[in-house]
């Protein structure tokens, strides 16, 4: 065989080997691409998944909470993609509800964007700070003890109110400033976020003329909320609230004691830590600045979270000469102008 022919055959063989390597390499790259694409874009679950990501957890730890049969073959592509996109350092902790047929790539985006599961929490009016804390815990928003400790701290309460109103508008705890409403929080929220959200909601539900009305009434916003909390506890009837507010405002102007039973109940519960189901005569003598049978004027602060109607009623009270009222036992009250009329009403409705 001539030398030229051997060289030609050798060149053809080299070319064939090169082309084979190229084909194998291209095939491998195509396979790797298809596998990578499948790993990222195909569904990892055929049913919804409840996923909890705890603070400080890595993606490797998060992967352990996922269906292992689906995630096992995807670990490498997920790790490469998350590092390439810088996702691992951006995942948000919290509870998630991963919809059925979610791809691995979409799961990483959900964690990166923090699309955490929101819990619905309804806080009715008339609840004390302790009761609001228990309600929030029942909805898994925040632990009651943790939130109560925060909300009862005067310095922390001041910081929240100043952030909302631009200045300190009250004193003491956040009692009365947690607006009753339906909220959507992330589970295990931090106390500041919850408190700020609820106090800010209060500021947005104040009547537009609240500052002018406070000046006209000679009351601070703290005093308005305090009186509104008493009105909230006295009646659940919106039509009675402006009348009861007017009675209390007139008593304040005349220097009369408010003699509001709900303040006594609050005082006893605050002192004993026990729930008061029935007010006793001896309770009226409890030594407390919240006992409006013993002290003149308003108590130091609110006794519950007042309703929007009660706040409006205090700012816009009814025009009336009533000075007294007594519960009729049917949900409403009997209002009187004079003490004699009031005594007759008490004998009629309370002592029969």
C-alpha atoms as a PDB file:
ATOM      1  CA  UNK A   1       0.000   0.000   0.000  1.00  0.00           C
ATOM      2  CA  UNK A   2       1.341   3.286  -0.988  1.00  0.00           C
ATOM      3  CA  UNK A   3       2.215   5.843   1.600  1.00  0.00           C
ATOM      4  CA  UNK A   4      -0.333   8.336   0.223  1.00  0.00           C
ATOM      5  CA  UNK A   5      -3.195   5.844   0.628  1.00  0.00           C
ATOM      6  CA  UNK A   6      -2.187   5.077   4.219  1.00  0.00           C
ATOM      7  CA  UNK A   7      -2.184   8.791   5.004  1.00  0.00           C
ATOM      8  CA  UNK A   8      -5.635   9.202   3.442  1.00  0.00           C
ATOM      9  CA  UNK A   9      -7.047   6.293   5.448  1.00  0.00           C
ATOM     10  CA  UNK A  10      -5.455   7.676   8.600  1.00  0.00           C
ATOM     11  CA  UNK A  11      -6.983  11.119   7.936  1.00  0.00           C
ATOM     12  CA  UNK A  12     -10.418   9.594   7.307  1.00  0.00           C
ATOM     13  CA  UNK A  13     -10.182   7.577  10.530  1.00  0.00           C
ATOM     14  CA  UNK A  14      -9.160  10.672  12.499  1.00  0.00           C
ATOM     15  CA  UNK A  15     -12.035  12.618  10.960  1.00  0.00           C
ATOM     16  CA  UNK A  16     -14.429   9.785  11.769  1.00  0.00           C
ATOM     17  CA  UNK A  17     -13.215   9.646  15.360  1.00  0.00           C
ATOM     18  CA  UNK A  18     -13.501  13.439  15.646  1.00  0.00           C
ATOM     19  CA  UNK A  19     -17.017  13.438  14.206  1.00  0.00           C
ATOM     20  CA  UNK A  20     -17.966  10.592  16.541  1.00  0.00           C
ATOM     21  CA  UNK A  21     -16.671  12.567  19.497  1.00  0.00           C
ATOM     22  CA  UNK A  22     -18.579  15.639  18.308  1.00  0.00           C
ATOM     23  CA  UNK A  23     -21.774  13.633  17.850  1.00  0.00           C
ATOM     24  CA  UNK A  24     -21.404  11.937  21.240  1.00  0.00           C
ATOM     25  CA  UNK A  25     -20.592  15.266  22.868  1.00  0.00           C
ATOM     26  CA  UNK A  26     -23.504  17.036  21.190  1.00  0.00           C
ATOM     27  CA  UNK A  27     -25.819  14.173  22.099  1.00  0.00           C
ATOM     28  CA  UNK A  28     -24.603  14.300  25.691  1.00  0.00           C
ATOM     29  CA  UNK A  29     -25.104  18.056  25.815  1.00  0.00           C
ATOM     30  CA  UNK A  30     -28.561  17.712  24.307  1.00  0.00           C
ATOM     31  CA  UNK A  31     -29.406  14.977  26.786  1.00  0.00           C
ATOM     32  CA  UNK A  32     -28.055  17.088  29.651  1.00  0.00           C
ATOM     33  CA  UNK A  33     -30.060  20.084  28.460  1.00  0.00           C
ATOM     34  CA  UNK A  34     -33.241  18.038  28.096  1.00  0.00           C
ATOM     35  CA  UNK A  35     -32.681  16.469  31.507  1.00  0.00           C
ATOM     36  CA  UNK A  36     -31.952  19.872  33.075  1.00  0.00           C
ATOM     37  CA  UNK A  37     -35.043  21.340  31.403  1.00  0.00           C
ATOM     38  CA  UNK A  38     -37.177  18.398  32.517  1.00  0.00           C
ATOM     39  CA  UNK A  39     -35.876  18.641  36.084  1.00  0.00           C
ATOM     40  CA  UNK A  40     -36.730  22.342  36.314  1.00  0.00           C
ATOM     41  CA  UNK A  41     -39.962  22.561  34.319  1.00  0.00           C
ATOM     42  CA  UNK A  42     -41.844  19.322  34.949  1.00  0.00           C
ATOM     43  CA  UNK A  43     -44.251  19.064  37.933  1.00  0.00           C
ATOM     44  CA  UNK A  44     -42.863  17.801  41.233  1.00  0.00           C
ATOM     45  CA  UNK A  45     -46.273  17.096  42.780  1.00  0.00           C
ATOM     46  CA  UNK A  46     -49.662  15.909  41.627  1.00  0.00           C
ATOM     47  CA  UNK A  47     -51.381  17.069  44.830  1.00  0.00           C
ATOM     48  CA  UNK A  48     -50.972  20.292  46.888  1.00  0.00           C
ATOM     49  CA  UNK A  49     -48.110  20.348  49.389  1.00  0.00           C
ATOM     50  CA  UNK A  50     -48.033  22.070  52.772  1.00  0.00           C
ATOM     51  CA  UNK A  51     -44.485  23.324  53.242  1.00  0.00           C
ATOM     52  CA  UNK A  52     -42.960  25.124  56.215  1.00  0.00           C
ATOM     53  CA  UNK A  53     -39.616  26.867  55.775  1.00  0.00           C
ATOM     54  CA  UNK A  54     -38.073  27.795  59.093  1.00  0.00           C
ATOM     55  CA  UNK A  55     -35.860  30.805  59.606  1.00  0.00           C
ATOM     56  CA  UNK A  56     -32.259  30.063  58.640  1.00  0.00           C
ATOM     57  CA  UNK A  57     -33.015  26.865  56.715  1.00  0.00           C
ATOM     58  CA  UNK A  58     -30.992  26.168  53.564  1.00  0.00           C
ATOM     59  CA  UNK A  59     -32.456  24.893  50.303  1.00  0.00           C
ATOM     60  CA  UNK A  60     -30.892  21.526  51.025  1.00  0.00           C
ATOM     61  CA  UNK A  61     -32.947  21.372  54.216  1.00  0.00           C
ATOM     62  CA  UNK A  62     -36.061  22.614  52.396  1.00  0.00           C
ATOM     63  CA  UNK A  63     -35.669  19.850  49.794  1.00  0.00           C
ATOM     64  CA  UNK A  64     -35.964  17.317  52.615  1.00  0.00           C
ATOM     65  CA  UNK A  65     -39.553  18.481  53.227  1.00  0.00           C
ATOM     66  CA  UNK A  66     -40.542  17.727  49.608  1.00  0.00           C
ATOM     67  CA  UNK A  67     -41.675  14.399  48.099  1.00  0.00           C
ATOM     68  CA  UNK A  68     -38.356  12.548  47.832  1.00  0.00           C
ATOM     69  CA  UNK A  69     -39.366  10.444  44.848  1.00  0.00           C
ATOM     70  CA  UNK A  70     -39.839  13.662  42.860  1.00  0.00           C
ATOM     71  CA  UNK A  71     -36.920  15.640  44.198  1.00  0.00           C
ATOM     72  CA  UNK A  72     -34.228  12.941  44.241  1.00  0.00           C
ATOM     73  CA  UNK A  73     -33.315  13.211  40.534  1.00  0.00           C
ATOM     74  CA  UNK A  74     -33.583  17.015  40.557  1.00  0.00           C
ATOM     75  CA  UNK A  75     -31.206  17.950  43.352  1.00  0.00           C
ATOM     76  CA  UNK A  76     -28.236  18.779  41.117  1.00  0.00           C
ATOM     77  CA  UNK A  77     -30.193  20.897  38.562  1.00  0.00           C
ATOM     78  CA  UNK A  78     -32.033  22.659  41.403  1.00  0.00           C
ATOM     79  CA  UNK A  79     -28.795  23.397  43.226  1.00  0.00           C
ATOM     80  CA  UNK A  80     -27.081  24.688  40.064  1.00  0.00           C
ATOM     81  CA  UNK A  81     -30.086  26.827  39.057  1.00  0.00           C
ATOM     82  CA  UNK A  82     -30.598  28.278  42.561  1.00  0.00           C
ATOM     83  CA  UNK A  83     -26.914  29.244  42.844  1.00  0.00           C
ATOM     84  CA  UNK A  84     -26.888  30.697  39.337  1.00  0.00           C
ATOM     85  CA  UNK A  85     -29.931  32.853  40.157  1.00  0.00           C
ATOM     86  CA  UNK A  86     -28.803  33.591  43.708  1.00  0.00           C
ATOM     87  CA  UNK A  87     -32.042  32.165  45.085  1.00  0.00           C
ATOM     88  CA  UNK A  88     -30.647  30.322  48.092  1.00  0.00           C
ATOM     89  CA  UNK A  89     -29.788  33.546  49.903  1.00  0.00           C
ATOM     90  CA  UNK A  90     -33.202  35.063  49.106  1.00  0.00           C
ATOM     91  CA  UNK A  91     -35.698  32.421  50.245  1.00  0.00           C
ATOM     92  CA  UNK A  92     -38.362  33.603  52.700  1.00  0.00           C
ATOM     93  CA  UNK A  93     -39.313  31.586  55.727  1.00  0.00           C
ATOM     94  CA  UNK A  94     -42.925  30.851  56.580  1.00  0.00           C
ATOM     95  CA  UNK A  95     -45.719  28.445  55.691  1.00  0.00           C
ATOM     96  CA  UNK A  96     -46.473  27.739  52.036  1.00  0.00           C
ATOM     97  CA  UNK A  97     -49.256  25.987  50.179  1.00  0.00           C
ATOM     98  CA  UNK A  98     -47.666  24.628  47.009  1.00  0.00           C
ATOM     99  CA  UNK A  99     -50.374  24.021  44.338  1.00  0.00           C
ATOM    100  CA  UNK A 100     -50.594  20.714  42.508  1.00  0.00           C
ATOM    101  CA  UNK A 101     -48.473  20.355  39.343  1.00  0.00           C
ATOM    102  CA  UNK A 102     -45.951  22.988  40.433  1.00  0.00           C
ATOM    103  CA  UNK A 103     -42.626  22.775  38.618  1.00  0.00           C
ATOM    104  CA  UNK A 104     -39.326  22.801  40.489  1.00  0.00           C
ATOM    105  CA  UNK A 105     -38.432  26.133  38.880  1.00  0.00           C
ATOM    106  CA  UNK A 106     -41.743  27.662  39.961  1.00  0.00           C
ATOM    107  CA  UNK A 107     -41.223  26.303  43.471  1.00  0.00           C
ATOM    108  CA  UNK A 108     -37.904  28.149  43.687  1.00  0.00           C
ATOM    109  CA  UNK A 109     -39.607  31.339  42.464  1.00  0.00           C
ATOM    110  CA  UNK A 110     -42.340  30.914  45.099  1.00  0.00           C
ATOM    111  CA  UNK A 111     -39.702  30.651  47.823  1.00  0.00           C
ATOM    112  CA  UNK A 112     -37.716  33.569  46.413  1.00  0.00           C
ATOM    113  CA  UNK A 113     -40.762  35.848  46.153  1.00  0.00           C
ATOM    114  CA  UNK A 114     -42.021  34.787  49.575  1.00  0.00           C
ATOM    115  CA  UNK A 115     -45.509  33.801  48.445  1.00  0.00           C
ATOM    116  CA  UNK A 116     -46.223  32.514  51.919  1.00  0.00           C
ATOM    117  CA  UNK A 117     -49.597  31.243  53.049  1.00  0.00           C
ATOM    118  CA  UNK A 118     -51.680  34.020  54.599  1.00  0.00           C
ATOM    119  CA  UNK A 119     -53.929  33.221  57.530  1.00  0.00           C
ATOM    120  CA  UNK A 120     -57.222  35.015  58.002  1.00  0.00           C
ATOM    121  CA  UNK A 121     -57.716  36.489  61.470  1.00  0.00           C
ATOM    122  CA  UNK A 122     -60.925  38.223  62.564  1.00  0.00           C
ATOM    123  CA  UNK A 123     -60.711  40.375  65.694  1.00  0.00           C
ATOM    124  CA  UNK A 124     -64.171  41.563  66.873  1.00  0.00           C
ATOM    125  CA  UNK A 125     -64.586  44.877  68.738  1.00  0.00           C
ATOM    126  CA  UNK A 126     -64.732  44.958  72.516  1.00  0.00           C
ATOM    127  CA  UNK A 127     -61.769  42.663  73.196  1.00  0.00           C
ATOM    128  CA  UNK A 128     -59.040  43.509  75.662  1.00  0.00           C
ATOM    129  CA  UNK A 129     -55.365  43.310  74.789  1.00  0.00           C
ATOM    130  CA  UNK A 130     -55.107  39.869  76.399  1.00  0.00           C
ATOM    131  CA  UNK A 131     -58.134  38.637  74.469  1.00  0.00           C
ATOM    132  CA  UNK A 132     -56.774  40.012  71.176  1.00  0.00           C
ATOM    133  CA  UNK A 133     -53.492  38.206  71.857  1.00  0.00           C
ATOM    134  CA  UNK A 134     -55.315  34.917  72.372  1.00  0.00           C
ATOM    135  CA  UNK A 135     -57.331  35.440  69.192  1.00  0.00           C
ATOM    136  CA  UNK A 136     -54.151  36.039  67.183  1.00  0.00           C
ATOM    137  CA  UNK A 137     -52.609  32.876  68.564  1.00  0.00           C
ATOM    138  CA  UNK A 138     -55.747  30.878  67.775  1.00  0.00           C
ATOM    139  CA  UNK A 139     -55.352  31.920  64.134  1.00  0.00           C
ATOM    140  CA  UNK A 140     -51.618  31.030  64.314  1.00  0.00           C
ATOM    141  CA  UNK A 141     -50.597  34.615  63.576  1.00  0.00           C
ATOM    142  CA  UNK A 142     -48.314  35.062  66.597  1.00  0.00           C
ATOM    143  CA  UNK A 143     -47.896  33.468  70.013  1.00  0.00           C
ATOM    144  CA  UNK A 144     -50.143  35.170  72.594  1.00  0.00           C
ATOM    145  CA  UNK A 145     -47.442  35.524  75.255  1.00  0.00           C
ATOM    146  CA  UNK A 146     -44.949  36.932  72.752  1.00  0.00           C
ATOM    147  CA  UNK A 147     -47.400  39.478  71.345  1.00  0.00           C
ATOM    148  CA  UNK A 148     -48.740  40.461  74.773  1.00  0.00           C
ATOM    149  CA  UNK A 149     -45.231  41.075  76.073  1.00  0.00           C
ATOM    150  CA  UNK A 150     -44.556  43.366  73.111  1.00  0.00           C
ATOM    151  CA  UNK A 151     -47.894  45.226  73.219  1.00  0.00           C
ATOM    152  CA  UNK A 152     -47.726  45.817  76.986  1.00  0.00           C
ATOM    153  CA  UNK A 153     -44.249  47.333  76.810  1.00  0.00           C
ATOM    154  CA  UNK A 154     -44.749  51.148  76.964  1.00  0.00           C
ATOM    155  CA  UNK A 155     -41.581  51.879  74.984  1.00  0.00           C
ATOM    156  CA  UNK A 156     -42.501  49.453  72.192  1.00  0.00           C
ATOM    157  CA  UNK A 157     -46.102  50.697  72.155  1.00  0.00           C
ATOM    158  CA  UNK A 158     -44.825  54.264  71.899  1.00  0.00           C
ATOM    159  CA  UNK A 159     -42.612  53.322  68.948  1.00  0.00           C
ATOM    160  CA  UNK A 160     -45.569  51.799  67.086  1.00  0.00           C
ATOM    161  CA  UNK A 161     -47.874  54.766  67.716  1.00  0.00           C
ATOM    162  CA  UNK A 162     -45.199  57.272  66.750  1.00  0.00           C
ATOM    163  CA  UNK A 163     -44.518  55.397  63.517  1.00  0.00           C
ATOM    164  CA  UNK A 164     -48.231  55.431  62.650  1.00  0.00           C
ATOM    165  CA  UNK A 165     -49.227  58.936  63.775  1.00  0.00           C
ATOM    166  CA  UNK A 166     -45.879  60.687  63.463  1.00  0.00           C
ATOM    167  CA  UNK A 167     -45.961  61.503  67.177  1.00  0.00           C
ATOM    168  CA  UNK A 168     -46.941  59.890  70.463  1.00  0.00           C
ATOM    169  CA  UNK A 169     -50.728  60.074  70.811  1.00  0.00           C
ATOM    170  CA  UNK A 170     -51.171  57.840  73.834  1.00  0.00           C
ATOM    171  CA  UNK A 171     -49.396  56.335  76.757  1.00  0.00           C
ATOM    172  CA  UNK A 172     -48.840  52.934  78.244  1.00  0.00           C
ATOM    173  CA  UNK A 173     -49.646  49.761  76.329  1.00  0.00           C
ATOM    174  CA  UNK A 174     -51.413  49.303  73.006  1.00  0.00           C
ATOM    175  CA  UNK A 175     -54.690  48.556  74.777  1.00  0.00           C
ATOM    176  CA  UNK A 176     -57.468  50.086  72.664  1.00  0.00           C
ATOM    177  CA  UNK A 177     -55.264  50.822  69.645  1.00  0.00           C
ATOM    178  CA  UNK A 178     -55.540  47.418  67.956  1.00  0.00           C
ATOM    179  CA  UNK A 179     -58.339  48.079  65.497  1.00  0.00           C
ATOM    180  CA  UNK A 180     -60.956  45.300  65.357  1.00  0.00           C
ATOM    181  CA  UNK A 181     -61.161  43.992  61.801  1.00  0.00           C
ATOM    182  CA  UNK A 182     -60.416  41.013  59.555  1.00  0.00           C
ATOM    183  CA  UNK A 183     -56.733  40.696  58.716  1.00  0.00           C
ATOM    184  CA  UNK A 184     -54.512  38.524  56.547  1.00  0.00           C
ATOM    185  CA  UNK A 185     -51.151  37.831  58.151  1.00  0.00           C
ATOM    186  CA  UNK A 186     -48.393  35.359  57.532  1.00  0.00           C
ATOM    187  CA  UNK A 187     -48.276  32.673  60.188  1.00  0.00           C
ATOM    188  CA  UNK A 188     -45.729  33.257  62.935  1.00  0.00           C
ATOM    189  CA  UNK A 189     -45.540  36.974  62.161  1.00  0.00           C
ATOM    190  CA  UNK A 190     -43.337  39.186  64.301  1.00  0.00           C
ATOM    191  CA  UNK A 191     -45.195  41.240  66.959  1.00  0.00           C
ATOM    192  CA  UNK A 192     -44.132  44.619  65.567  1.00  0.00           C
ATOM    193  CA  UNK A 193     -45.583  43.879  62.117  1.00  0.00           C
ATOM    194  CA  UNK A 194     -48.898  42.719  63.589  1.00  0.00           C
ATOM    195  CA  UNK A 195     -49.162  45.640  66.006  1.00  0.00           C
ATOM    196  CA  UNK A 196     -48.179  48.230  63.391  1.00  0.00           C
ATOM    197  CA  UNK A 197     -50.719  46.818  60.897  1.00  0.00           C
ATOM    198  CA  UNK A 198     -53.559  46.990  63.433  1.00  0.00           C
ATOM    199  CA  UNK A 199     -52.709  50.461  64.760  1.00  0.00           C
ATOM    200  CA  UNK A 200     -52.272  51.803  61.227  1.00  0.00           C
ATOM    201  CA  UNK A 201     -55.692  50.350  60.407  1.00  0.00           C
ATOM    202  CA  UNK A 202     -57.105  52.330  63.337  1.00  0.00           C
ATOM    203  CA  UNK A 203     -55.608  55.540  61.939  1.00  0.00           C
ATOM    204  CA  UNK A 204     -57.213  54.864  58.539  1.00  0.00           C
ATOM    205  CA  UNK A 205     -60.654  54.308  60.103  1.00  0.00           C
ATOM    206  CA  UNK A 206     -60.702  57.522  62.127  1.00  0.00           C
ATOM    207  CA  UNK A 207     -63.190  60.079  60.786  1.00  0.00           C
ATOM    208  CA  UNK A 208     -61.517  62.692  58.582  1.00  0.00           C
ATOM    209  CA  UNK A 209     -62.441  65.465  61.011  1.00  0.00           C
ATOM    210  CA  UNK A 210     -61.154  63.684  64.118  1.00  0.00           C
ATOM    211  CA  UNK A 211     -58.507  66.299  64.894  1.00  0.00           C
ATOM    212  CA  UNK A 212     -60.974  69.189  64.668  1.00  0.00           C
ATOM    213  CA  UNK A 213     -63.532  67.281  66.729  1.00  0.00           C
ATOM    214  CA  UNK A 214     -60.943  66.455  69.409  1.00  0.00           C
ATOM    215  CA  UNK A 215     -60.133  70.147  69.737  1.00  0.00           C
ATOM    216  CA  UNK A 216     -63.798  71.101  69.944  1.00  0.00           C
ATOM    217  CA  UNK A 217     -64.472  68.477  72.610  1.00  0.00           C
ATOM    218  CA  UNK A 218     -61.303  69.361  74.503  1.00  0.00           C
ATOM    219  CA  UNK A 219     -60.115  65.757  74.379  1.00  0.00           C
ATOM    220  CA  UNK A 220     -56.956  64.103  73.125  1.00  0.00           C
ATOM    221  CA  UNK A 221     -57.166  61.160  70.733  1.00  0.00           C
ATOM    222  CA  UNK A 222     -56.128  58.909  73.626  1.00  0.00           C
ATOM    223  CA  UNK A 223     -59.097  60.166  75.656  1.00  0.00           C
ATOM    224  CA  UNK A 224     -61.456  59.711  72.704  1.00  0.00           C
ATOM    225  CA  UNK A 225     -60.342  56.108  72.248  1.00  0.00           C
ATOM    226  CA  UNK A 226     -60.629  55.541  76.004  1.00  0.00           C
ATOM    227  CA  UNK A 227     -64.200  56.833  76.102  1.00  0.00           C
ATOM    228  CA  UNK A 228     -65.082  54.949  72.905  1.00  0.00           C
ATOM    229  CA  UNK A 229     -63.873  51.730  74.520  1.00  0.00           C
ATOM    230  CA  UNK A 230     -66.306  52.291  77.414  1.00  0.00           C
ATOM    231  CA  UNK A 231     -69.141  53.023  74.979  1.00  0.00           C
ATOM    232  CA  UNK A 232     -68.300  49.803  73.092  1.00  0.00           C
ATOM    233  CA  UNK A 233     -68.631  47.810  76.311  1.00  0.00           C
ATOM    234  CA  UNK A 234     -71.850  49.552  77.355  1.00  0.00           C
ATOM    235  CA  UNK A 235     -73.871  48.750  74.229  1.00  0.00           C
ATOM    236  CA  UNK A 236     -73.706  46.818  70.991  1.00  0.00           C
ATOM    237  CA  UNK A 237     -76.497  48.912  69.436  1.00  0.00           C
ATOM    238  CA  UNK A 238     -75.072  51.521  67.026  1.00  0.00           C
ATOM    239  CA  UNK A 239     -78.093  53.761  67.468  1.00  0.00           C
ATOM    240  CA  UNK A 240     -77.486  53.993  71.228  1.00  0.00           C
ATOM    241  CA  UNK A 241     -73.772  54.757  71.035  1.00  0.00           C
ATOM    242  CA  UNK A 242     -74.074  58.521  70.290  1.00  0.00           C
ATOM    243  CA  UNK A 243     -76.550  58.871  73.188  1.00  0.00           C
ATOM    244  CA  UNK A 244     -74.353  57.011  75.686  1.00  0.00           C
ATOM    245  CA  UNK A 245     -71.333  58.994  74.471  1.00  0.00           C
ATOM    246  CA  UNK A 246     -73.295  62.207  75.051  1.00  0.00           C
ATOM    247  CA  UNK A 247     -74.191  61.121  78.606  1.00  0.00           C
ATOM    248  CA  UNK A 248     -70.559  60.431  79.487  1.00  0.00           C
ATOM    249  CA  UNK A 249     -69.316  63.651  77.859  1.00  0.00           C
ATOM    250  CA  UNK A 250     -71.862  65.677  79.805  1.00  0.00           C
ATOM    251  CA  UNK A 251     -70.849  63.948  83.040  1.00  0.00           C
ATOM    252  CA  UNK A 252     -67.223  64.807  82.342  1.00  0.00           C
ATOM    253  CA  UNK A 253     -68.106  68.462  81.770  1.00  0.00           C
ATOM    254  CA  UNK A 254     -70.103  68.583  85.010  1.00  0.00           C
ATOM    255  CA  UNK A 255     -67.356  66.882  87.017  1.00  0.00           C
ATOM    256  CA  UNK A 256     -69.547  63.857  87.733  1.00  0.00           C
ATOM    257  CA  UNK A 257     -68.203  60.338  88.046  1.00  0.00           C
ATOM    258  CA  UNK A 258     -68.845  58.204  84.946  1.00  0.00           C
ATOM    259  CA  UNK A 259     -69.947  55.200  87.061  1.00  0.00           C
ATOM    260  CA  UNK A 260     -69.476  52.818  84.135  1.00  0.00           C
ATOM    261  CA  UNK A 261     -69.707  49.145  85.111  1.00  0.00           C
ATOM    262  CA  UNK A 262     -67.345  47.954  82.325  1.00  0.00           C
ATOM    263  CA  UNK A 263     -64.483  49.977  83.829  1.00  0.00           C
ATOM    264  CA  UNK A 264     -64.979  48.214  87.163  1.00  0.00           C
ATOM    265  CA  UNK A 265     -64.962  44.821  85.465  1.00  0.00           C
ATOM    266  CA  UNK A 266     -61.735  45.774  83.692  1.00  0.00           C
ATOM    267  CA  UNK A 267     -60.218  46.985  86.977  1.00  0.00           C
ATOM    268  CA  UNK A 268     -61.072  43.753  88.816  1.00  0.00           C
ATOM    269  CA  UNK A 269     -59.804  41.550  85.968  1.00  0.00           C
ATOM    270  CA  UNK A 270     -56.618  43.609  85.752  1.00  0.00           C
ATOM    271  CA  UNK A 271     -56.017  43.270  89.483  1.00  0.00           C
ATOM    272  CA  UNK A 272     -56.946  39.599  89.928  1.00  0.00           C
ATOM    273  CA  UNK A 273     -56.199  38.161  86.478  1.00  0.00           C
ATOM    274  CA  UNK A 274     -59.548  36.369  86.629  1.00  0.00           C
ATOM    275  CA  UNK A 275     -62.483  36.792  84.288  1.00  0.00           C
ATOM    276  CA  UNK A 276     -65.468  38.597  85.854  1.00  0.00           C
ATOM    277  CA  UNK A 277     -68.739  36.956  84.875  1.00  0.00           C
ATOM    278  CA  UNK A 278     -70.930  38.864  87.318  1.00  0.00           C
ATOM    279  CA  UNK A 279     -70.235  42.257  88.874  1.00  0.00           C
ATOM    280  CA  UNK A 280     -70.693  42.240  92.654  1.00  0.00           C
ATOM    281  CA  UNK A 281     -71.486  45.223  94.854  1.00  0.00           C
ATOM    282  CA  UNK A 282     -68.162  44.966  96.660  1.00  0.00           C
ATOM    283  CA  UNK A 283     -66.368  45.208  93.305  1.00  0.00           C
ATOM    284  CA  UNK A 284     -67.547  48.809  93.036  1.00  0.00           C
ATOM    285  CA  UNK A 285     -65.089  49.707  95.793  1.00  0.00           C
ATOM    286  CA  UNK A 286     -62.006  48.176  94.125  1.00  0.00           C
ATOM    287  CA  UNK A 287     -59.018  50.508  94.481  1.00  0.00           C
ATOM    288  CA  UNK A 288     -58.049  51.191  90.869  1.00  0.00           C
ATOM    289  CA  UNK A 289     -57.685  54.238  88.593  1.00  0.00           C
ATOM    290  CA  UNK A 290     -59.958  52.329  86.197  1.00  0.00           C
ATOM    291  CA  UNK A 291     -62.824  52.240  88.714  1.00  0.00           C
ATOM    292  CA  UNK A 292     -65.004  55.123  87.551  1.00  0.00           C
ATOM    293  CA  UNK A 293     -67.240  54.688  90.603  1.00  0.00           C
ATOM    294  CA  UNK A 294     -64.314  55.787  92.767  1.00  0.00           C
ATOM    295  CA  UNK A 295     -62.426  58.236  90.540  1.00  0.00           C
ATOM    296  CA  UNK A 296     -63.657  61.285  88.671  1.00  0.00           C
ATOM    297  CA  UNK A 297     -62.942  61.618  84.982  1.00  0.00           C
ATOM    298  CA  UNK A 298     -61.710  59.097  82.469  1.00  0.00           C
ATOM    299  CA  UNK A 299     -59.599  56.055  83.390  1.00  0.00           C
ATOM    300  CA  UNK A 300     -55.902  56.159  82.389  1.00  0.00           C
ATOM    301  CA  UNK A 301     -56.529  54.389  79.107  1.00  0.00           C
ATOM    302  CA  UNK A 302     -58.899  52.260  77.019  1.00  0.00           C
ATOM    303  CA  UNK A 303     -60.451  49.111  78.461  1.00  0.00           C
ATOM    304  CA  UNK A 304     -60.817  47.323  75.096  1.00  0.00           C
ATOM    305  CA  UNK A 305     -60.504  47.857  71.358  1.00  0.00           C
ATOM    306  CA  UNK A 306     -63.423  50.148  70.472  1.00  0.00           C
ATOM    307  CA  UNK A 307     -65.544  49.797  67.366  1.00  0.00           C
ATOM    308  CA  UNK A 308     -65.517  52.380  64.577  1.00  0.00           C
ATOM    309  CA  UNK A 309     -69.119  53.292  65.464  1.00  0.00           C
ATOM    310  CA  UNK A 310     -68.150  53.979  69.075  1.00  0.00           C
ATOM    311  CA  UNK A 311     -65.260  56.248  68.069  1.00  0.00           C
ATOM    312  CA  UNK A 312     -67.545  58.126  65.697  1.00  0.00           C
ATOM    313  CA  UNK A 313     -70.178  58.365  68.442  1.00  0.00           C
ATOM    314  CA  UNK A 314     -67.729  60.022  70.834  1.00  0.00           C
ATOM    315  CA  UNK A 315     -66.537  62.467  68.184  1.00  0.00           C
ATOM    316  CA  UNK A 316     -70.132  63.177  67.094  1.00  0.00           C
ATOM    317  CA  UNK A 317     -72.330  62.628  70.167  1.00  0.00           C
ATOM    318  CA  UNK A 318     -76.093  63.010  70.152  1.00  0.00           C
ATOM    319  CA  UNK A 319     -77.651  66.266  71.255  1.00  0.00           C
ATOM    320  CA  UNK A 320     -79.424  65.309  74.435  1.00  0.00           C
ATOM    321  CA  UNK A 321     -79.835  66.307  78.090  1.00  0.00           C
ATOM    322  CA  UNK A 322     -79.684  62.748  79.403  1.00  0.00           C
ATOM    323  CA  UNK A 323     -77.436  62.186  82.422  1.00  0.00           C
ATOM    324  CA  UNK A 324     -78.326  58.595  83.299  1.00  0.00           C
ATOM    325  CA  UNK A 325     -79.105  55.271  81.683  1.00  0.00           C
ATOM    326  CA  UNK A 326     -79.851  51.743  82.831  1.00  0.00           C
ATOM    327  CA  UNK A 327     -79.987  48.454  80.949  1.00  0.00           C
ATOM    328  CA  UNK A 328     -83.520  47.267  80.304  1.00  0.00           C
ATOM    329  CA  UNK A 329     -82.535  43.638  80.087  1.00  0.00           C
ATOM    330  CA  UNK A 330     -83.724  43.338  76.502  1.00  0.00           C
ATOM    331  CA  UNK A 331     -80.549  44.663  74.894  1.00  0.00           C
ATOM    332  CA  UNK A 332     -81.328  48.376  75.069  1.00  0.00           C
ATOM    333  CA  UNK A 333     -81.179  51.074  77.713  1.00  0.00           C
ATOM    334  CA  UNK A 334     -83.589  53.442  79.432  1.00  0.00           C
ATOM    335  CA  UNK A 335     -82.243  57.006  79.431  1.00  0.00           C
ATOM    336  CA  UNK A 336     -83.181  59.621  82.030  1.00  0.00           C
ATOM    337  CA  UNK A 337     -82.650  63.341  82.557  1.00  0.00           C
ATOM    338  CA  UNK A 338     -82.895  63.413  86.341  1.00  0.00           C
ATOM    339  CA  UNK A 339     -81.773  61.224  89.224  1.00  0.00           C
ATOM    340  CA  UNK A 340     -85.398  60.634  90.270  1.00  0.00           C
ATOM    341  CA  UNK A 341     -86.272  59.358  86.784  1.00  0.00           C
ATOM    342  CA  UNK A 342     -83.182  57.161  86.845  1.00  0.00           C
ATOM    343  CA  UNK A 343     -84.054  55.631  90.236  1.00  0.00           C
ATOM    344  CA  UNK A 344     -87.520  54.822  88.966  1.00  0.00           C
ATOM    345  CA  UNK A 345     -85.998  53.194  85.860  1.00  0.00           C
ATOM    346  CA  UNK A 346     -83.592  51.149  87.998  1.00  0.00           C
ATOM    347  CA  UNK A 347     -86.487  49.968  90.195  1.00  0.00           C
ATOM    348  CA  UNK A 348     -88.422  49.027  87.090  1.00  0.00           C
ATOM    349  CA  UNK A 349     -85.751  47.239  85.081  1.00  0.00           C
ATOM    350  CA  UNK A 350     -83.147  46.065  87.589  1.00  0.00           C
ATOM    351  CA  UNK A 351     -85.056  45.243  90.768  1.00  0.00           C
ATOM    352  CA  UNK A 352     -88.106  43.452  89.542  1.00  0.00           C
END
